[in-house]
Structures are given as C-alpha cells and as structure tokens.
Amino acid sequence: MSDLLVERTDATVTLRIHRPAALNALTGELLEDLRRCVAEAADDPAVRAVVITGSGQKAFSAGADLNEITALGTDLARARELMSRGQAALREIERAPVPVIAAVNGLALGGGFELVLASTFAVLSTRASLGLPESSLGLIPGYGGTQRLPRAVGQRVAAHLMLTGTRLSADHAHALGLTPVPPVAPDELLPTAASIAGTIASRGPLAVRAILRAVEAARDLPLDEGLSTETELAARAIVSAESTEGVAAFTERRTPVFPNPED
C-alpha cells in the first residue's frame, strides 16, 4: 500500500495519495485501498474524521490512471468491471459514518474530482483546479461524476462543465458551492482541514453520525421519507446518554465529555 500513506493524529486519520510522479493518478487498486482505509477508520470509535489529500503541491489526483484504461482495449466486460468497482469504492466512502474531508492541494481532475464529489465536503488550496475533462479523450466520467456533479451544482452547470471540460479555479468552485469555506493558502490547507476535523471531533459522535445519515437521506430520498428518517434519528438523539451529557455540560458551563459510540 505504498501508494497510500496513512497517518493518525488524535481523532483524525489522514490518507495521502502518494503517486506524485503520476500526479497521484488513481488505479483500481488504489481506490480499493482508499475504500478499505476509510472503512477501517470508521470502524474505530476513537476516530471522528478522515482527511484525504495528495502528495506534493501539484495534484490532489489528476484522475484515473490512463495506462490502466488503455490496457482494457476493447474488452467491454473488463471495462464495466473497472467502472463498477470504482463506483462502489466511492459510494462506500460517500456513505462513511464519519466525515470524509477532501483537502485539495492542486489538480483534481477526472476521477480525482469524482473523489472530491464523493467526500462529505472539501477544503481547497488556492492552487486547486477541478474539472472533468474526459470528453476530450472520447470518454465520460465513470466514477459517479455524471450523477454527483448535477446534484451539487445543477444540471445545466454540470452539463457545461463536462461537455467543455472547463477547469474550475478554487474561487470559482467555492462560488458554485463545491466547498463550504473560502480557499486557503497552500501551507494552510492541512491545518485548516485538521482544525475543521477537530471541531467535528468535539461534537457528539452519535449526533455526527446521525447528521451524516440524515443528509444522505436528503440526497437520496423523497422529502416525506427523508423527514421520517430525521424524526427517528432526532428522537433517538433526544433519549441518548450523549444528549444527556451534552445538555448537562451546557447547563453547567463546562466542556462535554462524550462517550465513544461503542462505550
């Protein structure tokens, strides 16, 4: 797993895509490693957030490894399998019960941008550049980009970006709502992501997981079904030991000491 570096600091796991000579291009194996590492982090009750970034200053990830794509030749079954496996990996990352923060340090193109779209949210360096240029190669986004980008920015904007291959600057991406925070200087990127992860870690861990489930319901379900999901999650939060501690700490003007989810 030398193409993916794993670091643990306090309650945050940082995953660094480490193929700088290839602009951190994503292979099928690397996507599977990302999926597995996110799943392992989520299974650890002491982990409250995951940060994904790229090695070097040039690229978060410049996309799928074209050598792997061209090696498929005209084998439709293998091409379908590669796309399906990549989609499944990103879908699992998207559904992780802990926040997954994409810290975008440079180019995020093709599959790299699709990984950003599958994250909970992104923090962008001022050097970040995002786009889905596949159509210039006679390809289309195959790791969920055609589905997630329209949900993020609307169908018309998404169609324009994919059909023209337009690259978004960090400021433009922020203006479109692709990141909730203004772009930061390159040397502030990881500290900013870590600070946000630390803020999340100070919240009730069961509440964080419930919010992620509710937001997923908002994305995937009709409104009435989403509201039903929210009702159940909110009710369970009200009667939890976590909320008892949170309310008591607020009343007593002290920092809450939330139990780990499995305590």
Foldseek 3Di string as FASTA:
>chain_A
DVQWDWDDDFQEIEIEREDVVQLSADELVNLVVVLVVLQVSLVDLRHAEYEQAYPDQAWRYAYHDVVNVVVCPPVPVVVVVSLVSLLVSLQSQLLRLHFYEYLTRAEQEQVSLVSCLSGPAYAYAQRYKYAYACVVVVDFRRNCLQPRVCVQQNDVVSVVRRVVRDIDGQQRCVVSVRHVDRHHHNVCRVVVVVVVSVVSSLAASLVSSLVSVLVVCVSPHPPVVSVVSVVVSVVCCVPDPQVVQVVVCVVVVHRGDHDRPVD
